């Protein structure tokens, strides 16, 4: 693939943990503004070269960092503007709610052992007490006086662990007009309870929410499964996909009269993967619940399955056991043989994958996929029509100063697995670490924005920068 080099133009710096970067036109305004949501609960926008506060919900956000003040995947994770935001002022938030900290679903670190069936068939029991936190999805409205106000709660989700909650988790589909929520598998590692493949579990899914249905339920119940939802909320929801480990959002690319959907699935120990699909058949949650009650097999034709936990991208999920004498000989054992077999035919094959360890000189070893965006602009001609993605940090540069990485790929006409190429950047971060934490775009996908953070500790404030990716 063609070698591409880009510049990074700083737009705003010294902000906290940028998690979502999007654009919207404010009611009564004439210009598309850049909005930046931060993990701690602030939402800013750039107006006339000045950064302004759009909304501050820090008191509503769970205390981040825990006792150690370290790495955390909770907080303000999703921001989406209604397609008619200019006229109706509606926008949507997904965040981890303050005061909901629990002890977690498991007391010990989890790792599957193919020789011990107990580790392969764990169940999440005592969910009301054994959980980590509660995530909420809310509808807000920008009032005529310019002040945002919460309008209703759409979902309250109990999560088993602190990680894999999704990021950039709310996006409106230009295809259906519905709000798309991407949920991770609940966290820990290796999906200990196999939530992602269970049709009734909300974890590990891509879900469409019909926000046009005015189901005003005051404080919906806190749930983990679709069948625990009131019927009026079930009727709002359809499921696009399952088999998700953790997703940094979904991107739509218009191609003639149809949309290509791009989804990145964060890997376990082996590989990070990007998927693309056009046709799918979403299943109403009411049908999933009814099929469960009748104990019948749901029609899965067109229902997307990314294969996790049996598959990690295009590979059976592996446990890597180290060979201390020679790391190149590390033993890779299939973690879930039966599940790999059961999902081998139905799963979607990735568009491209990249490895955590890659000896090829023109590639890189990745840590975690953090953004996937289609690019349709002409400003960087070699990238036009491609899908650009970001990884948190290069493995070979995991010692300070850390550097993230940009790369791109394209859909092949034959639909087969494609190669990818690293995008070189000319920005000098100096001695400062640069974790690439998200990727954003404007509404017509002609501009790309990169969120960078200087530390992986959530209590290290004011180290965030948002760049525009320029020729």
Protein backbone atom coordinates (compact mmCIF):
# COMPACT_ATOMS: atom_id res chain seq x y z
CA UNK A 1 0.00 0.00 0.00
CA UNK A 2 1.08 3.60 -0.62
CA UNK A 3 3.20 5.22 2.09
CA UNK A 4 1.35 8.26 3.42
CA UNK A 5 2.76 11.08 5.53
CA UNK A 6 0.58 13.60 7.36
CA UNK A 7 0.91 16.52 9.73
CA UNK A 8 -0.74 16.95 13.12
CA UNK A 9 -2.05 20.47 13.78
CA UNK A 10 -2.81 21.15 17.47
CA UNK A 11 -6.31 22.56 17.97
CA UNK A 12 -6.58 22.55 21.75
CA UNK A 13 -4.22 21.34 24.47
CA UNK A 14 -4.05 20.94 28.24
CA UNK A 15 -7.44 19.28 28.54
CA UNK A 16 -8.38 16.18 30.52
CA UNK A 17 -8.53 12.78 28.83
CA UNK A 18 -10.31 13.45 25.48
CA UNK A 19 -12.57 10.45 24.82
CA UNK A 20 -14.89 11.64 22.01
CA UNK A 21 -14.29 14.17 19.22
CA UNK A 22 -17.23 15.13 16.98
CA UNK A 23 -18.71 18.08 15.13
CA UNK A 24 -22.19 19.59 15.14
CA UNK A 25 -23.96 22.82 14.23
CA UNK A 26 -25.50 24.51 17.24
CA UNK A 27 -29.13 25.68 16.95
CA UNK A 28 -29.13 29.16 15.45
CA UNK A 29 -25.48 28.87 14.40
CA UNK A 30 -24.16 28.65 10.84
CA UNK A 31 -20.84 26.90 11.38
CA UNK A 32 -19.90 23.33 12.23
CA UNK A 33 -18.21 23.33 15.62
CA UNK A 34 -15.75 20.81 17.04
CA UNK A 35 -16.97 19.18 20.28
CA UNK A 36 -14.61 17.37 22.65
CA UNK A 37 -15.89 15.14 25.46
CA UNK A 38 -13.50 14.21 28.25
CA UNK A 39 -13.47 11.06 30.36
CA UNK A 40 -13.91 13.08 33.57
CA UNK A 41 -17.22 14.57 32.35
CA UNK A 42 -16.54 17.86 30.60
CA UNK A 43 -17.73 18.64 27.05
CA UNK A 44 -16.11 21.58 25.25
CA UNK A 45 -16.59 23.11 21.84
CA UNK A 46 -14.41 25.34 19.74
CA UNK A 47 -16.10 28.59 18.73
CA UNK A 48 -14.31 31.47 17.00
CA UNK A 49 -10.96 30.03 18.01
CA UNK A 50 -11.97 29.95 21.69
CA UNK A 51 -12.65 26.80 23.70
CA UNK A 52 -15.99 27.03 25.50
CA UNK A 53 -17.76 24.72 27.94
CA UNK A 54 -20.87 23.08 26.48
CA UNK A 55 -21.67 20.86 29.48
CA UNK A 56 -19.97 19.82 32.72
CA UNK A 57 -21.30 16.64 34.35
CA UNK A 58 -18.27 15.85 36.48
CA UNK A 59 -20.42 15.41 39.64
CA UNK A 60 -22.40 12.71 37.78
CA UNK A 61 -19.30 10.68 36.86
CA UNK A 62 -17.93 7.81 38.96
CA UNK A 63 -14.72 8.56 40.83
CA UNK A 64 -12.01 7.49 38.41
CA UNK A 65 -8.75 5.79 39.20
CA UNK A 66 -9.71 3.79 42.29
CA UNK A 67 -7.33 3.57 45.24
CA UNK A 68 -4.21 3.62 43.04
CA UNK A 69 -5.31 6.54 40.85
CA UNK A 70 -4.20 4.60 37.80
CA UNK A 71 -5.65 3.32 34.55
CA UNK A 72 -9.44 3.35 34.16
CA UNK A 73 -11.88 2.71 31.28
CA UNK A 74 -14.97 4.21 32.96
CA UNK A 75 -16.22 7.80 32.81
CA UNK A 76 -17.90 9.80 30.05
CA UNK A 77 -17.63 7.40 27.11
CA UNK A 78 -20.21 8.43 24.52
CA UNK A 79 -21.60 11.63 22.99
CA UNK A 80 -23.90 11.75 19.96
CA UNK A 81 -25.92 14.57 18.42
CA UNK A 82 -29.36 13.84 17.01
CA UNK A 83 -29.46 14.16 13.18
CA UNK A 84 -31.96 17.00 13.76
CA UNK A 85 -29.93 18.55 16.59
CA UNK A 86 -29.97 21.94 14.87
CA UNK A 87 -33.77 21.96 15.11
CA UNK A 88 -34.57 19.89 18.20
CA UNK A 89 -31.47 20.37 20.39
CA UNK A 90 -31.32 16.67 21.34
CA UNK A 91 -28.06 14.92 22.20
CA UNK A 92 -27.13 11.71 24.00
CA UNK A 93 -24.60 10.70 26.64
CA UNK A 94 -23.19 7.38 27.88
CA UNK A 95 -21.28 7.50 31.17
CA UNK A 96 -20.40 5.58 34.33
CA UNK A 97 -22.57 6.96 37.10
CA UNK A 98 -21.25 8.45 40.36
CA UNK A 99 -21.89 6.50 43.55
CA UNK A 100 -22.32 3.13 41.80
CA UNK A 101 -18.97 1.54 42.65
CA UNK A 102 -19.25 -2.16 43.52
CA UNK A 103 -16.74 -4.88 44.47
CA UNK A 104 -16.55 -6.47 41.01
CA UNK A 105 -17.85 -9.78 39.66
CA UNK A 106 -14.75 -11.88 40.47
CA UNK A 107 -12.41 -11.70 43.42
CA UNK A 108 -9.40 -13.09 41.54
CA UNK A 109 -7.68 -12.34 38.25
CA UNK A 110 -9.25 -14.49 35.53
CA UNK A 111 -7.40 -16.60 32.99
CA UNK A 112 -8.95 -19.58 31.19
CA UNK A 113 -7.29 -22.96 31.57
CA UNK A 114 -8.24 -25.44 28.81
CA UNK A 115 -7.46 -28.26 31.28
CA UNK A 116 -9.86 -26.95 33.93
CA UNK A 117 -13.53 -26.88 32.83
CA UNK A 118 -14.42 -24.70 35.82
CA UNK A 119 -12.57 -21.79 34.21
CA UNK A 120 -14.32 -22.31 30.86
CA UNK A 121 -17.88 -22.32 32.16
CA UNK A 122 -18.01 -19.51 34.70
CA UNK A 123 -21.33 -17.79 35.43
CA UNK A 124 -21.99 -14.25 36.61
CA UNK A 125 -24.09 -14.85 39.71
CA UNK A 126 -25.32 -12.48 42.44
CA UNK A 127 -25.36 -9.71 39.87
CA UNK A 128 -27.17 -7.26 42.16
CA UNK A 129 -24.20 -7.25 44.55
CA UNK A 130 -21.24 -8.59 42.52
CA UNK A 131 -20.61 -5.89 39.92
CA UNK A 132 -18.22 -3.01 39.35
CA UNK A 133 -20.39 -0.03 38.37
CA UNK A 134 -23.49 1.15 36.53
CA UNK A 135 -23.42 2.80 33.10
CA UNK A 136 -26.27 5.04 31.99
CA UNK A 137 -27.43 6.20 28.55
CA UNK A 138 -29.34 9.47 28.63
CA UNK A 139 -31.14 11.88 26.32
CA UNK A 140 -30.44 15.59 26.89
CA UNK A 141 -31.80 18.72 25.26
CA UNK A 142 -30.19 22.08 24.59
CA UNK A 143 -32.87 24.49 25.76
CA UNK A 144 -33.72 27.74 24.02
CA UNK A 145 -31.77 29.64 26.71
CA UNK A 146 -28.62 27.72 25.67
CA UNK A 147 -28.54 25.56 28.80
CA UNK A 148 -28.44 21.74 28.41
CA UNK A 149 -30.89 19.74 30.53
CA UNK A 150 -31.35 16.00 31.02
CA UNK A 151 -34.62 14.85 29.42
CA UNK A 152 -34.80 11.10 30.09
CA UNK A 153 -32.77 7.98 30.86
CA UNK A 154 -32.83 5.34 28.13
CA UNK A 155 -30.82 2.54 29.78
CA UNK A 156 -29.15 1.73 33.10
CA UNK A 157 -26.60 -1.06 32.64
CA UNK A 158 -24.86 -2.96 35.44
CA UNK A 159 -21.28 -3.79 34.43
CA UNK A 160 -19.22 -6.66 35.93
CA UNK A 161 -15.74 -5.07 35.67
CA UNK A 162 -14.23 -1.61 35.24
CA UNK A 163 -12.98 -2.18 31.67
CA UNK A 164 -14.49 -2.87 28.23
CA UNK A 165 -17.33 -0.36 28.47
CA UNK A 166 -16.80 0.93 24.93
CA UNK A 167 -15.51 4.36 23.97
CA UNK A 168 -17.02 6.73 21.41
CA UNK A 169 -19.88 4.35 22.14
CA UNK A 170 -22.79 6.44 20.79
CA UNK A 171 -23.23 7.25 17.10
CA UNK A 172 -26.27 7.91 14.94
CA UNK A 173 -26.70 5.72 11.90
CA UNK A 174 -27.21 7.78 8.71
CA UNK A 175 -28.77 4.62 7.27
CA UNK A 176 -31.58 4.06 9.82
CA UNK A 177 -31.63 7.33 11.77
CA UNK A 178 -31.32 5.32 14.99
CA UNK A 179 -28.87 5.76 17.84
CA UNK A 180 -26.21 3.03 17.81
CA UNK A 181 -24.79 1.91 21.16
CA UNK A 182 -21.64 -0.24 21.16
CA UNK A 183 -21.10 -2.18 24.39
CA UNK A 184 -17.97 -4.08 25.36
CA UNK A 185 -18.08 -7.61 26.78
CA UNK A 186 -18.05 -6.37 30.39
CA UNK A 187 -14.33 -6.53 30.97
CA UNK A 188 -11.72 -8.49 32.87
CA UNK A 189 -10.02 -10.53 30.11
CA UNK A 190 -11.11 -13.43 27.93
CA UNK A 191 -14.82 -12.64 28.63
CA UNK A 192 -15.00 -14.97 31.67
CA UNK A 193 -18.80 -15.35 31.55
CA UNK A 194 -19.07 -15.53 27.73
CA UNK A 195 -21.50 -12.61 27.75
CA UNK A 196 -20.66 -11.54 24.20
CA UNK A 197 -22.14 -14.69 22.58
CA UNK A 198 -25.28 -14.86 24.76
CA UNK A 199 -28.19 -13.35 22.81
CA UNK A 200 -29.88 -12.05 25.97
CA UNK A 201 -26.83 -10.35 27.46
CA UNK A 202 -26.56 -6.63 26.70
CA UNK A 203 -22.75 -6.84 26.99
CA UNK A 204 -20.74 -7.51 23.84
CA UNK A 205 -23.32 -6.20 21.36
CA UNK A 206 -24.01 -3.45 18.83
CA UNK A 207 -27.50 -2.14 19.57
CA UNK A 208 -29.78 0.27 17.73
CA UNK A 209 -32.06 2.47 19.86
CA UNK A 210 -35.13 4.06 18.26
CA UNK A 211 -35.08 7.35 20.16
CA UNK A 212 -38.18 8.46 18.24
CA UNK A 213 -40.24 6.26 20.55
CA UNK A 214 -41.16 8.45 23.50
CA UNK A 215 -40.90 5.87 26.25
CA UNK A 216 -40.65 8.04 29.33
CA UNK A 217 -39.97 5.62 32.17
CA UNK A 218 -38.82 7.44 35.25
CA UNK A 219 -35.46 5.89 36.16
CA UNK A 220 -35.51 2.60 34.20
CA UNK A 221 -34.40 -0.50 36.15
CA UNK A 222 -30.71 -1.38 36.35
CA UNK A 223 -30.24 -4.46 34.14
CA UNK A 224 -27.68 -6.72 32.53
CA UNK A 225 -29.97 -8.75 30.21
CA UNK A 226 -32.51 -7.74 27.57
CA UNK A 227 -35.28 -9.78 29.19
CA UNK A 228 -34.97 -7.70 32.37
CA UNK A 229 -36.03 -4.54 30.50
CA UNK A 230 -39.63 -3.27 30.56
CA UNK A 231 -41.51 -4.14 27.37
CA UNK A 232 -41.66 -0.51 26.24
CA UNK A 233 -37.85 -0.27 26.32
CA UNK A 234 -37.41 -3.67 24.66
CA UNK A 235 -39.54 -2.35 21.79
CA UNK A 236 -37.03 0.48 21.22
CA UNK A 237 -34.09 -1.86 20.69
CA UNK A 238 -32.71 -4.00 17.90
CA UNK A 239 -29.42 -5.91 17.92
CA UNK A 240 -27.08 -5.56 14.93
CA UNK A 241 -24.19 -7.71 16.13
CA UNK A 242 -22.70 -9.80 18.91
CA UNK A 243 -19.30 -11.35 19.62
CA UNK A 244 -17.83 -7.97 20.57
CA UNK A 245 -14.86 -7.69 22.94
CA UNK A 246 -14.55 -3.91 23.06
CA UNK A 247 -15.34 -1.36 20.35
CA UNK A 248 -14.15 2.22 19.79
CA UNK A 249 -17.41 3.16 18.04
CA UNK A 250 -18.81 2.51 14.58
CA UNK A 251 -18.17 4.48 11.38
CA UNK A 252 -20.42 4.72 8.31
CA UNK A 253 -19.09 5.37 4.81
CA UNK A 254 -21.54 6.14 2.01
CA UNK A 255 -20.69 4.25 -1.16
CA UNK A 256 -23.12 4.97 -3.99
CA UNK A 257 -26.54 4.17 -2.49
CA UNK A 258 -25.40 2.05 0.43
CA UNK A 259 -23.33 2.39 3.59
CA UNK A 260 -20.24 0.45 4.54
CA UNK A 261 -20.05 0.00 8.30
CA UNK A 262 -16.61 -0.14 9.95
CA UNK A 263 -16.07 -1.56 13.42
CA UNK A 264 -12.84 -2.15 15.31
CA UNK A 265 -12.71 -4.97 17.87
CA UNK A 266 -9.99 -4.63 20.50
CA UNK A 267 -7.98 -7.84 20.86
CA UNK A 268 -6.83 -9.90 23.82
CA UNK A 269 -3.16 -10.91 23.52
CA UNK A 270 -2.67 -11.60 19.84
CA UNK A 271 -4.29 -9.25 17.34
CA UNK A 272 -6.42 -6.12 16.83
CA UNK A 273 -9.08 -6.32 14.10
CA UNK A 274 -11.16 -4.03 11.91
CA UNK A 275 -14.36 -5.36 10.35
CA UNK A 276 -16.53 -4.02 7.55
CA UNK A 277 -20.02 -5.01 6.47
CA UNK A 278 -22.82 -3.60 4.33
CA UNK A 279 -25.83 -5.90 4.63
CA UNK A 280 -27.18 -7.05 7.95
CA UNK A 281 -30.48 -8.06 9.45
CA UNK A 282 -31.02 -6.51 12.87
CA UNK A 283 -33.05 -8.62 15.29
CA UNK A 284 -35.65 -6.86 17.49
CA UNK A 285 -34.95 -7.46 21.16
CA UNK A 286 -38.57 -8.57 21.57
CA UNK A 287 -37.85 -11.45 19.17
CA UNK A 288 -34.70 -12.45 21.05
CA UNK A 289 -36.65 -12.53 24.31
CA UNK A 290 -39.53 -14.52 22.77
CA UNK A 291 -37.12 -17.03 21.21
CA UNK A 292 -35.53 -17.53 24.63
CA UNK A 293 -38.92 -18.09 26.28
CA UNK A 294 -39.85 -20.68 23.65
CA UNK A 295 -36.33 -22.14 23.81
CA UNK A 296 -36.08 -21.93 20.04
CA UNK A 297 -33.16 -20.95 17.83
CA UNK A 298 -33.38 -17.36 16.62
CA UNK A 299 -33.02 -16.83 12.86
CA UNK A 300 -29.48 -15.47 12.56
CA UNK A 301 -29.33 -14.84 8.83
CA UNK A 302 -27.71 -11.43 8.38
CA UNK A 303 -27.04 -11.11 12.10
CA UNK A 304 -23.39 -10.05 12.47
CA UNK A 305 -21.14 -12.10 14.75
CA UNK A 306 -17.55 -10.94 15.28
CA UNK A 307 -16.71 -14.31 16.84
CA UNK A 308 -15.39 -13.31 20.27
CA UNK A 309 -14.69 -15.08 22.65
CA UNK A 310 -13.91 -18.11 20.50
CA UNK A 311 -12.14 -15.98 17.91
CA UNK A 312 -9.79 -13.03 18.18
CA UNK A 313 -10.05 -11.44 14.75
CA UNK A 314 -9.15 -14.18 12.23
CA UNK A 315 -7.52 -16.45 14.82
CA UNK A 316 -8.84 -18.81 17.47
CA UNK A 317 -8.46 -17.06 20.81
CA UNK A 318 -5.11 -18.09 22.30
CA UNK A 319 -3.45 -18.18 25.68
CA UNK A 320 0.20 -17.23 25.27
CA UNK A 321 2.59 -19.01 27.62
CA UNK A 322 6.03 -17.47 27.77
CA UNK A 323 9.25 -19.28 26.91
CA UNK A 324 11.73 -17.44 29.07
CA UNK A 325 14.73 -18.68 27.13
CA UNK A 326 13.39 -17.55 23.78
CA UNK A 327 10.29 -15.31 23.51
CA UNK A 328 9.97 -16.11 19.79
CA UNK A 329 9.03 -19.65 20.82
CA UNK A 330 6.16 -18.61 23.13
CA UNK A 331 3.54 -21.36 23.22
CA UNK A 332 0.08 -20.41 21.93
CA UNK A 333 -2.74 -22.64 23.15
CA UNK A 334 -6.36 -22.36 22.03
CA UNK A 335 -8.36 -21.03 24.95
CA UNK A 336 -11.87 -22.03 23.86
CA UNK A 337 -11.69 -24.80 21.28
CA UNK A 338 -15.42 -25.70 21.32
CA UNK A 339 -16.53 -22.08 20.94
CA UNK A 340 -14.07 -21.52 18.11
CA UNK A 341 -15.61 -24.48 16.31
CA UNK A 342 -19.20 -23.41 17.00
CA UNK A 343 -18.70 -19.87 15.66
CA UNK A 344 -16.25 -20.71 12.86
CA UNK A 345 -18.80 -20.53 10.04
CA UNK A 346 -21.15 -17.82 11.32
CA UNK A 347 -18.55 -15.26 12.27
CA UNK A 348 -17.65 -12.27 10.11
CA UNK A 349 -14.09 -12.25 8.78
CA UNK A 350 -12.10 -9.09 9.48
CA UNK A 351 -11.21 -6.48 6.88
CA UNK A 352 -7.70 -6.30 8.31
CA UNK A 353 -5.82 -7.27 11.47
CA UNK A 354 -2.56 -6.21 13.04
CA UNK A 355 -0.54 -8.08 15.62
CA UNK A 356 0.70 -7.23 19.09
CA UNK A 357 4.06 -8.62 17.96
CA UNK A 358 5.02 -8.13 14.32
CA UNK A 359 8.61 -8.61 13.11
CA UNK A 360 7.96 -7.08 9.68
CA UNK A 361 9.93 -3.82 9.25
CA UNK A 362 7.07 -1.85 7.69
CA UNK A 363 4.47 -2.84 10.33
CA UNK A 364 4.11 -2.27 14.06
CA UNK A 365 3.18 -4.11 17.21
CA UNK A 366 -0.06 -2.74 18.63
CA UNK A 367 -1.47 -2.41 22.13
CA UNK A 368 -5.16 -1.53 21.71
CA UNK A 369 -7.27 -0.19 18.86
CA UNK A 370 -8.69 3.21 19.88
CA UNK A 371 -10.37 4.64 16.78
CA UNK A 372 -11.70 3.72 13.33
CA UNK A 373 -12.97 6.36 10.88
CA UNK A 374 -13.79 6.47 7.21
CA UNK A 375 -12.17 9.37 5.34
CA UNK A 376 -13.80 10.87 2.23
CA UNK A 377 -11.91 14.16 1.99
CA UNK A 378 -9.66 15.28 -0.86
CA UNK A 379 -7.15 17.11 1.33
CA UNK A 380 -5.05 13.96 1.74
CA UNK A 381 -5.63 12.30 -1.66
CA UNK A 382 -3.81 9.05 -0.85
CA UNK A 383 -6.27 8.45 2.01
CA UNK A 384 -9.49 9.33 0.16
CA UNK A 385 -12.01 6.50 0.45
CA UNK A 386 -9.91 4.60 3.00
CA UNK A 387 -10.56 3.71 6.63
CA UNK A 388 -8.07 5.21 9.08
CA UNK A 389 -7.40 3.70 12.49
CA UNK A 390 -5.38 4.46 15.59
CA UNK A 391 -3.62 2.34 18.17
CA UNK A 392 -2.96 3.50 21.72
CA UNK A 393 0.78 2.82 21.60
CA UNK A 394 3.41 0.96 19.67
CA UNK A 395 4.60 -2.09 21.60
CA UNK A 396 8.24 -1.51 20.68
CA UNK A 397 7.94 1.98 22.15
CA UNK A 398 6.10 1.00 25.31
CA UNK A 399 8.88 2.51 27.41
CA UNK A 400 8.76 6.32 27.80
CA UNK A 401 8.32 8.33 25.75
CA UNK A 402 5.45 6.24 24.37
CA UNK A 403 4.08 6.92 20.88
CA UNK A 404 0.76 5.92 19.40
CA UNK A 405 0.34 5.03 15.76
CA UNK A 406 -1.91 5.91 12.81
CA UNK A 407 -2.58 3.49 9.96
CA UNK A 408 -5.04 2.91 7.14
CA UNK A 409 -6.57 0.20 4.99
CA UNK A 410 -9.24 -0.17 2.30
CA UNK A 411 -12.05 -2.55 1.44
CA UNK A 412 -10.98 -4.99 -1.27
CA UNK A 413 -13.44 -5.53 -4.15
CA UNK A 414 -13.38 -9.29 -3.47
CA UNK A 415 -14.09 -8.73 0.24
CA UNK A 416 -10.99 -10.63 1.35
CA UNK A 417 -8.59 -9.71 4.15
CA UNK A 418 -6.56 -6.66 3.15
CA UNK A 419 -3.18 -5.32 4.11
CA UNK A 420 -2.64 -2.07 6.01
CA UNK A 421 -0.01 0.64 6.03
CA UNK A 422 1.39 2.86 8.76
CA UNK A 423 0.74 6.59 8.31
CA UNK A 424 3.83 8.59 9.16
CA UNK A 425 3.39 11.82 11.16
CA UNK A 426 5.71 14.78 11.32
CA UNK A 427 4.79 16.10 14.78
CA UNK A 428 7.57 16.25 17.36
CA UNK A 429 6.22 15.27 20.79
CA UNK A 430 9.68 15.66 22.33
CA UNK A 431 10.13 13.84 25.64
CA UNK A 432 6.35 13.79 26.24
CA UNK A 433 4.53 10.46 25.87
CA UNK A 434 1.71 10.43 23.32
CA UNK A 435 -1.02 7.84 23.76
CA UNK A 436 -3.45 7.98 20.80
CA UNK A 437 -6.76 7.67 22.64
CA UNK A 438 -9.36 8.37 19.95
CA UNK A 439 -10.07 9.34 16.36
CA UNK A 440 -12.87 11.67 15.22
CA UNK A 441 -14.26 13.18 12.05
CA UNK A 442 -16.56 15.94 10.94
CA UNK A 443 -20.02 15.24 9.56
CA UNK A 444 -19.07 14.75 5.90
CA UNK A 445 -15.87 12.83 6.80
CA UNK A 446 -13.58 15.30 5.05
CA UNK A 447 -11.55 16.05 8.19
CA UNK A 448 -9.94 13.78 10.76
CA UNK A 449 -9.20 14.62 14.40
CA UNK A 450 -6.86 12.79 16.75
CA UNK A 451 -7.11 12.78 20.54
CA UNK A 452 -3.80 12.29 22.34
CA UNK A 453 -3.05 11.93 26.03
CA UNK A 454 0.29 12.18 27.81
CA UNK A 455 -0.33 9.57 30.51
CA UNK A 456 -2.39 6.45 31.14
CA UNK A 457 -3.15 7.54 34.72
CA UNK A 458 -6.59 9.15 34.88
CA UNK A 459 -5.48 11.40 37.74
CA UNK A 460 -2.75 13.03 35.63
CA UNK A 461 -4.86 15.99 34.52
CA UNK A 462 -4.43 18.56 31.74
CA UNK A 463 -2.26 16.36 29.51
CA UNK A 464 -4.72 15.97 26.64
CA UNK A 465 -4.39 17.47 23.15
CA UNK A 466 -6.67 17.30 20.11
CA UNK A 467 -5.05 17.56 16.69
CA UNK A 468 -6.41 17.87 13.20
CA UNK A 469 -4.74 15.45 10.79
CA UNK A 470 -3.59 17.60 7.84
CA UNK A 471 -1.61 17.04 4.60
